Amino acid sequence: MTNELSERDDVDIDALPLAQDRGVGWQALRDAGAVCPAGESFILTSADAVDEAAKAPTVFSSRRAFDRLGSPLALIPIGTDPPDHTRYRRLLDPFFSPKRMAEREPQLRQSAAELIDAIAVRGQCELITDLATPYPSDVFLGLFGLPLRDRDRLNQWKDSILEFTSPSATKPSPEVLTHALELFTYLSEHITRRRQDNSGDDLLTRLIKTRDEGGLSDEDILGLCFLFVLAGLDTVTAALGFAFGRLAQDPSLRRQLAEDESLIPAFIEELLRTDGPVPFAPRVTTEDVEVDGILLPKDTTVLMSYGCANRDPDRYDDADELHVGERVPHFAFGKGPHRCLGSHLARMELRIILEEWHRRIPEYSLADGFEPQVLWPSGTLGLDAVPLVFMPPSEMTSSATQRR
């Protein structure tokens, strides 16, 4: 067993050129080695190293890593390790299966259609503000039976917590703890009310009913809701931003998807691979472990670089390019037992938005002179803004009439 870390320079995560070019940024990190030091943490950059860590939860602890994010309770299920994690996934997976999520598709599609219809008549929008941010929030609130009027408050809490959560943070800041407590209180109050009146058919009510069968406690459900707010909203927002930012600048690809919706799922998978919203996932070693010939001592903080793994040329051909006709496994939703619980929901949200948008607005482009910028450093990788311009339906009809 060797240890070459003392010979390697520390990587400054915040200084990676990801804002300018993700391909260059991730390659710069891979060039530092499959295992490289970064302050008090160590980064795993190769697809093989990330695979190894993600599939060994007893050695690379997710529970210990997520204890630091400021949640008053464990984030269920990612903030647990086997055997507790195994029990939680057995209880929760049926609620988030493709079949169960498909039951919610009409509700999610209606929400998307209403937002897009309101945008279409204007002839322009800022995609992040007008669609990519409100839609996942509406999905969460509707799915869990919470008031849609609370969308702005929910996003404010989420944004405030994530703003002060750095990828390299080792403990929550006072700001994170304050906003986390406010969100915790809000969710707790609604769980208590739902416990008193559980006649609904929303997901929160269904989860609460499992307690009587020896299933989830109120604390477990609270931890799950907290996780969905922090991990489920911003990631879908970021993915939608990347999708429309790319399509607005690629007319040929945009028209392909508009004319053939069957290509959309493959586009989503490749988009998530090349521009996944989650740059790193933290773990803490529970024992001394060797990765790629490097000894990582017990209690080492490890960052699995999903961004690097997703563009690893040893795993993917022409790794920096998006290949619409292919659907290859990727790391955007994680790997191993902690693979994202909400992956089926996230895929459905992205698919619905892309379908409903292109049925109404097949032709669009970025506002003149605007170049989307990637926000970095940030816990979630995404674009700052995506201002779009297009022809409103009334003008398209008028134009078509004149051509006749």
Protein backbone atom coordinates (compact mmCIF):
# COMPACT_ATOMS: atom_id res chain seq x y z
CA MET A 1 0.00 0.00 0.00
CA THR A 2 1.41 3.39 -1.02
CA ASN A 3 0.76 6.97 -0.10
CA GLU A 4 1.75 9.59 -2.66
CA LEU A 5 -0.59 12.34 -1.39
CA SER A 6 2.21 14.26 0.27
CA GLU A 7 3.76 14.72 -3.20
CA ARG A 8 0.61 16.20 -4.73
CA ASP A 9 -0.46 19.84 -4.61
CA ASP A 10 -3.81 20.66 -3.03
CA VAL A 11 -6.63 21.29 -5.49
CA ASP A 12 -8.61 24.49 -4.95
CA ILE A 13 -12.15 23.38 -5.83
CA ASP A 14 -13.46 26.94 -5.98
CA ALA A 15 -10.79 27.88 -8.54
CA LEU A 16 -11.67 25.14 -11.04
CA PRO A 17 -12.60 26.77 -14.40
CA LEU A 18 -16.04 25.15 -14.43
CA ALA A 19 -17.74 28.48 -15.08
CA GLN A 20 -15.88 28.84 -18.35
CA ASP A 21 -15.78 25.26 -19.63
CA ARG A 22 -16.89 22.14 -17.78
CA GLY A 23 -14.81 19.91 -20.05
CA VAL A 24 -11.64 21.86 -19.24
CA GLY A 25 -12.56 22.12 -15.56
CA TRP A 26 -13.19 18.42 -15.04
CA GLN A 27 -10.12 17.48 -17.06
CA ALA A 28 -7.99 19.76 -14.88
CA LEU A 29 -9.26 17.89 -11.84
CA ARG A 30 -8.67 14.47 -13.41
CA ASP A 31 -5.13 15.56 -14.28
CA ALA A 32 -4.48 15.94 -10.53
CA GLY A 33 -4.96 12.19 -10.13
CA ALA A 34 -7.67 9.64 -9.40
CA VAL A 35 -7.28 10.64 -5.74
CA CYS A 36 -6.20 14.20 -5.00
CA PRO A 37 -6.07 16.36 -1.84
CA ALA A 38 -8.29 19.42 -1.52
CA GLY A 39 -7.83 21.18 1.79
CA GLU A 40 -9.22 18.92 4.51
CA SER A 41 -10.88 16.65 1.93
CA PHE A 42 -9.80 14.28 -0.81
CA ILE A 43 -11.41 14.08 -4.23
CA LEU A 44 -12.06 10.92 -6.21
CA THR A 45 -11.99 11.84 -9.89
CA SER A 46 -11.97 8.67 -12.00
CA ALA A 47 -15.12 6.73 -12.85
CA ASP A 48 -13.58 3.59 -11.34
CA ALA A 49 -12.71 5.31 -8.05
CA VAL A 50 -16.17 6.91 -7.75
CA ASP A 51 -17.81 3.58 -8.55
CA GLU A 52 -15.76 1.86 -5.87
CA ALA A 53 -16.63 4.38 -3.16
CA ALA A 54 -20.31 4.66 -4.08
CA LYS A 55 -20.79 0.91 -3.88
CA ALA A 56 -19.07 0.51 -0.50
CA PRO A 57 -21.29 2.37 2.01
CA THR A 58 -19.85 0.57 5.02
CA VAL A 59 -16.41 2.02 4.21
CA PHE A 60 -17.48 5.33 2.67
CA SER A 61 -20.18 6.58 5.02
CA SER A 62 -22.95 8.78 3.68
CA ARG A 63 -24.51 9.23 7.12
CA ARG A 64 -21.42 10.82 8.60
CA ALA A 65 -20.98 13.07 5.57
CA PHE A 66 -24.55 14.42 5.57
CA ASP A 67 -24.63 15.06 9.29
CA ARG A 68 -22.92 18.38 8.52
CA LEU A 69 -25.56 19.92 6.24
CA GLY A 70 -27.63 21.50 8.97
CA SER A 71 -30.68 19.29 9.10
CA PRO A 72 -32.03 18.92 12.64
CA LEU A 73 -32.74 15.29 11.71
CA ALA A 74 -31.10 12.72 9.47
CA LEU A 75 -31.81 13.27 5.78
CA ILE A 76 -33.76 10.13 4.87
CA PRO A 77 -32.54 7.96 3.23
CA ILE A 78 -29.22 9.46 2.09
CA GLY A 79 -28.22 10.47 5.62
CA THR A 80 -28.20 6.85 6.76
CA ASP A 81 -26.03 3.81 6.10
CA PRO A 82 -26.86 0.09 6.02
CA PRO A 83 -28.58 -1.61 7.71
CA ASP A 84 -30.84 1.40 8.47
CA HIS A 85 -30.55 2.62 4.89
CA THR A 86 -31.60 -0.77 3.56
CA ARG A 87 -34.76 -0.67 5.68
CA TYR A 88 -35.62 2.87 4.57
CA ARG A 89 -35.16 2.06 0.89
CA ARG A 90 -37.33 -1.03 1.23
CA LEU A 91 -40.09 1.17 2.66
CA LEU A 92 -39.65 4.13 0.31
CA ASP A 93 -38.76 2.66 -3.08
CA PRO A 94 -42.35 1.54 -3.81
CA PHE A 95 -43.59 5.13 -3.31
CA PHE A 96 -41.08 6.44 -5.89
CA SER A 97 -41.13 3.59 -8.40
CA PRO A 98 -41.70 4.34 -12.12
CA LYS A 99 -45.21 2.91 -11.85
CA ARG A 100 -46.15 5.01 -8.82
CA MET A 101 -44.64 8.15 -10.34
CA ALA A 102 -46.55 7.52 -13.58
CA GLU A 103 -49.78 7.78 -11.57
CA ARG A 104 -48.81 11.38 -10.80
CA GLU A 105 -47.94 12.29 -14.39
CA PRO A 106 -51.32 13.90 -15.27
CA GLN A 107 -51.01 16.21 -12.27
CA LEU A 108 -47.41 17.11 -13.12
CA ARG A 109 -48.25 17.63 -16.78
CA GLN A 110 -51.12 19.97 -15.95
CA SER A 111 -48.85 22.05 -13.74
CA ALA A 112 -46.27 22.27 -16.51
CA ALA A 113 -48.86 23.18 -19.14
CA GLU A 114 -50.26 26.01 -17.02
CA LEU A 115 -46.83 27.54 -16.45
CA ILE A 116 -45.83 27.23 -20.11
CA ASP A 117 -49.16 28.57 -21.41
CA ALA A 118 -48.67 31.69 -19.32
CA ILE A 119 -45.17 32.10 -20.76
CA ALA A 120 -46.06 31.38 -24.39
CA VAL A 121 -48.30 34.44 -24.85
CA ARG A 122 -45.48 36.78 -23.83
CA GLY A 123 -42.96 35.99 -26.51
CA GLN A 124 -40.08 36.00 -24.06
CA CYS A 125 -39.12 34.69 -20.65
CA GLU A 126 -36.26 34.12 -18.29
CA LEU A 127 -36.34 30.35 -18.18
CA ILE A 128 -34.79 29.91 -14.73
CA THR A 129 -37.08 32.38 -12.97
CA ASP A 130 -40.28 31.76 -14.92
CA LEU A 131 -40.25 27.98 -15.32
CA ALA A 132 -37.23 26.04 -14.06
CA THR A 133 -37.57 27.33 -10.48
CA PRO A 134 -41.35 27.33 -9.91
CA TYR A 135 -42.05 24.00 -11.61
CA PRO A 136 -40.08 21.63 -9.32
CA SER A 137 -41.41 23.54 -6.31
CA ASP A 138 -44.99 23.11 -7.52
CA VAL A 139 -44.29 19.42 -8.09
CA PHE A 140 -42.99 18.97 -4.54
CA LEU A 141 -45.86 20.92 -2.98
CA GLY A 142 -48.48 19.12 -5.06
CA LEU A 143 -46.96 15.70 -4.52
CA PHE A 144 -46.82 16.14 -0.76
CA GLY A 145 -50.18 17.93 -0.52
CA LEU A 146 -48.75 21.24 0.69
CA PRO A 147 -50.21 24.67 -0.21
CA LEU A 148 -49.01 25.98 -3.58
CA ARG A 149 -49.09 29.48 -2.11
CA ASP A 150 -45.99 28.51 -0.11
CA ARG A 151 -43.84 28.19 -3.23
CA ASP A 152 -41.94 31.44 -2.69
CA ARG A 153 -41.22 30.70 0.97
CA LEU A 154 -40.05 27.21 0.10
CA ASN A 155 -37.64 28.50 -2.53
CA GLN A 156 -36.35 31.20 -0.20
CA TRP A 157 -35.46 28.64 2.45
CA LYS A 158 -33.93 26.31 -0.10
CA ASP A 159 -31.86 29.07 -1.72
CA SER A 160 -30.70 30.44 1.62
CA ILE A 161 -29.53 27.05 2.85
CA LEU A 162 -27.76 26.13 -0.39
CA GLU A 163 -26.16 29.57 -0.69
CA PHE A 164 -24.20 28.99 2.48
CA THR A 165 -23.40 25.33 1.80
CA SER A 166 -20.03 24.97 0.05
CA PRO A 167 -18.92 21.70 -1.58
CA SER A 168 -15.86 21.75 0.69
CA ALA A 169 -17.67 22.75 3.91
CA THR A 170 -16.96 20.56 6.93
CA LYS A 171 -19.70 21.96 9.17
CA PRO A 172 -22.89 24.01 8.72
CA SER A 173 -22.65 27.78 8.99
CA PRO A 174 -24.91 29.74 11.41
CA GLU A 175 -26.94 30.90 8.39
CA VAL A 176 -27.58 27.31 7.30
CA LEU A 177 -28.70 26.34 10.78
CA THR A 178 -31.09 29.31 11.04
CA HIS A 179 -32.82 28.70 7.71
CA ALA A 180 -32.80 24.94 8.25
CA LEU A 181 -34.67 25.43 11.52
CA GLU A 182 -37.30 27.59 9.79
CA LEU A 183 -37.85 24.93 7.13
CA PHE A 184 -37.85 22.21 9.77
CA THR A 185 -40.58 24.04 11.70
CA TYR A 186 -42.72 24.55 8.60
CA LEU A 187 -42.56 20.88 7.61
CA SER A 188 -43.14 19.71 11.19
CA GLU A 189 -46.34 21.73 11.46
CA HIS A 190 -47.73 20.24 8.27
CA ILE A 191 -46.87 16.68 9.30
CA THR A 192 -48.68 17.23 12.61
CA ARG A 193 -51.76 18.55 10.80
CA ARG A 194 -51.74 15.67 8.36
CA ARG A 195 -51.49 13.22 11.22
CA GLN A 196 -54.74 14.68 12.56
CA ASP A 197 -56.48 14.58 9.17
CA ASN A 198 -55.11 11.82 6.96
CA SER A 199 -58.02 11.51 4.57
CA GLY A 200 -56.06 12.75 1.56
CA ASP A 201 -54.32 10.77 -1.17
CA ASP A 202 -51.14 12.81 -1.40
CA LEU A 203 -47.71 11.32 -0.82
CA LEU A 204 -47.28 12.86 2.62
CA THR A 205 -50.50 11.24 3.82
CA ARG A 206 -49.49 7.87 2.38
CA LEU A 207 -46.11 8.05 4.08
CA ILE A 208 -47.66 8.99 7.42
CA LYS A 209 -49.96 5.98 7.26
CA THR A 210 -46.96 3.65 7.16
CA ARG A 211 -46.23 4.41 10.83
CA ASP A 212 -49.22 2.36 11.92
CA GLU A 213 -47.69 -0.59 10.08
CA GLY A 214 -44.30 -0.23 11.77
CA GLY A 215 -42.95 1.93 8.97
CA LEU A 216 -41.80 5.55 8.96
CA SER A 217 -41.90 7.78 12.02
CA ASP A 218 -42.80 11.47 11.77
CA GLU A 219 -39.10 12.24 12.20
CA ASP A 220 -38.26 9.96 9.26
CA ILE A 221 -40.84 11.67 7.05
CA LEU A 222 -39.55 15.06 8.10
CA GLY A 223 -36.00 14.06 7.14
CA LEU A 224 -37.27 12.83 3.76
CA CYS A 225 -39.13 16.10 3.08
CA PHE A 226 -36.07 18.09 4.08
CA LEU A 227 -33.95 16.08 1.66
CA PHE A 228 -36.41 16.57 -1.19
CA VAL A 229 -36.37 20.33 -0.71
CA LEU A 230 -32.57 20.57 -0.57
CA ALA A 231 -31.67 17.94 -3.16
CA GLY A 232 -34.71 17.65 -5.42
CA LEU A 233 -35.66 21.20 -6.33
CA ASP A 234 -32.40 22.91 -7.25
CA THR A 235 -31.11 19.95 -9.24
CA VAL A 236 -34.15 19.87 -11.53
CA THR A 237 -33.93 23.66 -11.91
CA ALA A 238 -30.28 23.38 -12.91
CA ALA A 239 -30.92 20.54 -15.36
CA LEU A 240 -33.71 22.49 -17.06
CA GLY A 241 -31.42 25.50 -17.33
CA PHE A 242 -28.70 23.43 -18.99
CA ALA A 243 -31.25 21.79 -21.31
CA PHE A 244 -32.76 25.01 -22.62
CA GLY A 245 -29.43 26.82 -22.66
CA ARG A 246 -28.07 24.12 -24.96
CA LEU A 247 -31.17 23.78 -27.16
CA ALA A 248 -31.54 27.54 -27.60
CA GLN A 249 -28.08 27.58 -29.16
CA ASP A 250 -28.46 24.41 -31.26
CA PRO A 251 -31.37 24.79 -33.73
CA SER A 252 -30.73 21.43 -35.37
CA LEU A 253 -30.89 19.49 -32.10
CA ARG A 254 -33.87 21.55 -30.91
CA ARG A 255 -35.85 20.72 -34.05
CA GLN A 256 -34.96 17.05 -33.74
CA LEU A 257 -36.53 16.91 -30.27
CA ALA A 258 -39.53 19.02 -31.27
CA GLU A 259 -40.28 16.76 -34.24
CA ASP A 260 -39.58 13.46 -32.47
CA GLU A 261 -40.41 13.33 -28.76
CA SER A 262 -39.05 9.80 -28.53
CA LEU A 263 -35.54 11.34 -28.57
CA ILE A 264 -36.18 13.36 -25.42
CA PRO A 265 -35.38 10.61 -22.85
CA ALA A 266 -31.99 9.91 -24.47
CA PHE A 267 -31.28 13.64 -24.63
CA ILE A 268 -32.04 13.92 -20.91
CA GLU A 269 -29.65 11.10 -20.03
CA GLU A 270 -26.81 12.57 -22.05
CA LEU A 271 -27.52 16.05 -20.70
CA LEU A 272 -27.29 14.70 -17.15
CA ARG A 273 -24.04 12.95 -17.98
CA THR A 274 -22.31 15.91 -19.61
CA ASP A 275 -23.82 18.64 -17.40
CA GLY A 276 -25.08 16.97 -14.26
CA PRO A 277 -26.21 19.40 -11.54
CA VAL A 278 -24.41 17.55 -8.71
CA PRO A 279 -20.65 18.16 -8.99
CA PHE A 280 -19.62 16.27 -5.85
CA ALA A 281 -21.12 13.88 -3.31
CA PRO A 282 -19.50 13.67 0.14
CA ARG A 283 -18.53 10.59 2.11
CA VAL A 284 -16.43 9.93 5.25
CA THR A 285 -14.23 6.85 5.54
CA THR A 286 -14.99 4.52 8.44
CA GLU A 287 -11.64 2.71 8.22
CA ASP A 288 -8.29 2.93 6.47
CA VAL A 289 -8.89 2.24 2.79
CA GLU A 290 -6.75 2.14 -0.35
CA VAL A 291 -8.07 3.75 -3.54
CA ASP A 292 -6.00 3.67 -6.72
CA GLY A 293 -2.90 2.85 -4.68
CA ILE A 294 -3.47 5.76 -2.25
CA LEU A 295 -4.08 5.19 1.45
CA LEU A 296 -7.01 7.18 2.85
CA PRO A 297 -7.01 7.02 6.65
CA LYS A 298 -10.10 6.43 8.75
CA ASP A 299 -12.27 9.59 9.22
CA THR A 300 -11.12 11.10 5.92
CA THR A 301 -13.64 13.35 4.16
CA VAL A 302 -14.00 12.23 0.55
CA LEU A 303 -15.71 14.04 -2.32
CA MET A 304 -16.83 11.77 -5.13
CA SER A 305 -16.64 13.88 -8.28
CA TYR A 306 -19.68 12.92 -10.35
CA GLY A 307 -18.71 15.60 -12.87
CA CYS A 308 -15.29 14.06 -13.47
CA ALA A 309 -16.63 10.51 -13.54
CA ASN A 310 -19.31 11.44 -16.07
CA ARG A 311 -16.70 12.75 -18.51
CA ASP A 312 -14.01 10.15 -17.84
CA PRO A 313 -12.55 9.24 -21.25
CA ASP A 314 -11.63 5.80 -19.90
CA ARG A 315 -15.36 5.14 -19.39
CA TYR A 316 -17.01 7.13 -22.21
CA ASP A 317 -16.09 7.63 -25.85
CA ASP A 318 -15.86 11.28 -26.91
CA ALA A 319 -16.80 12.01 -23.31
CA ASP A 320 -17.29 15.79 -23.55
CA GLU A 321 -19.85 15.54 -26.35
CA LEU A 322 -23.60 14.98 -25.99
CA HIS A 323 -24.75 11.94 -27.99
CA VAL A 324 -28.52 12.11 -28.39
CA GLY A 325 -28.96 8.66 -29.89
CA GLU A 326 -27.35 6.90 -26.94
CA ARG A 327 -28.46 6.11 -23.38
CA VAL A 328 -25.43 5.09 -21.36
CA PRO A 329 -25.23 4.64 -17.57
CA HIS A 330 -23.95 7.73 -15.79
CA PHE A 331 -23.27 9.10 -12.32
CA ALA A 332 -25.71 12.02 -12.21
CA PHE A 333 -28.03 10.17 -9.81
CA GLY A 334 -25.20 8.45 -7.97
CA LYS A 335 -24.36 4.77 -7.89
CA GLY A 336 -24.77 1.90 -5.48
CA PRO A 337 -27.30 1.68 -2.64
CA HIS A 338 -27.48 5.46 -2.17
CA ARG A 339 -28.54 6.05 -5.76
CA CYS A 340 -31.05 8.93 -5.87
CA LEU A 341 -34.47 7.94 -4.52
CA GLY A 342 -36.18 10.58 -6.67
CA SER A 343 -34.48 9.75 -9.98
CA HIS A 344 -37.69 8.53 -11.64
CA LEU A 345 -39.53 11.67 -10.56
CA ALA A 346 -36.72 13.94 -11.77
CA ARG A 347 -36.60 12.23 -15.16
CA MET A 348 -40.36 12.59 -15.50
CA GLU A 349 -40.26 16.28 -14.61
CA LEU A 350 -37.59 16.96 -17.21
CA ARG A 351 -39.37 14.93 -19.87
CA ILE A 352 -42.74 16.59 -19.27
CA ILE A 353 -41.32 20.10 -19.44
CA LEU A 354 -39.41 19.38 -22.66
CA GLU A 355 -42.47 17.78 -24.25
CA GLU A 356 -44.99 20.43 -23.22
CA TRP A 357 -42.66 23.31 -24.08
CA HIS A 358 -41.82 22.08 -27.58
CA ARG A 359 -45.46 21.34 -28.37
CA ARG A 360 -46.16 25.02 -27.78
CA ILE A 361 -42.86 26.76 -28.52
CA PRO A 362 -40.77 24.72 -30.97
CA GLU A 363 -38.72 27.71 -32.12
CA TYR A 364 -36.82 29.92 -29.69
CA SER A 365 -33.40 31.39 -29.11
CA LEU A 366 -31.35 33.19 -26.51
CA ALA A 367 -31.90 36.91 -26.13
CA ASP A 368 -29.52 38.87 -28.37
CA GLY A 369 -26.04 39.21 -26.95
CA PHE A 370 -26.66 37.00 -23.91
CA GLU A 371 -24.22 34.26 -22.97
CA PRO A 372 -25.37 31.99 -20.10
CA GLN A 373 -22.86 31.74 -17.28
CA VAL A 374 -22.33 28.73 -15.04
CA LEU A 375 -22.54 29.54 -11.35
CA TRP A 376 -19.36 28.38 -9.64
CA PRO A 377 -18.43 27.80 -6.86
CA SER A 378 -21.77 26.36 -5.83
CA GLY A 379 -23.17 23.20 -4.28
CA THR A 380 -25.29 22.77 -7.42
CA LEU A 381 -23.89 23.33 -10.89
CA GLY A 382 -26.23 25.41 -13.04
CA LEU A 383 -26.67 28.47 -15.24
CA ASP A 384 -27.29 31.92 -13.82
CA ALA A 385 -30.01 32.81 -16.32
CA VAL A 386 -31.46 31.67 -19.65
CA PRO A 387 -33.42 34.53 -21.28
CA LEU A 388 -35.38 33.21 -24.27
CA VAL A 389 -37.23 34.95 -27.08
CA PHE A 390 -39.81 33.37 -29.39
CA MET A 391 -42.92 34.16 -31.40
CA PRO A 392 -46.17 34.14 -29.36
CA PRO A 393 -48.90 31.76 -30.66
CA SER A 394 -51.07 34.65 -31.88
CA GLU A 395 -48.27 35.96 -34.07
CA MET A 396 -47.46 32.48 -35.36
CA THR A 397 -51.10 32.08 -36.42
CA SER A 398 -51.13 35.50 -38.05
CA SER A 399 -47.88 34.77 -39.88
CA ALA A 400 -49.19 31.44 -41.14
CA THR A 401 -52.40 33.11 -42.38
CA GLN A 402 -50.45 35.75 -44.29
CA ARG A 403 -48.33 33.08 -45.98
CA ARG A 404 -51.50 31.46 -47.31
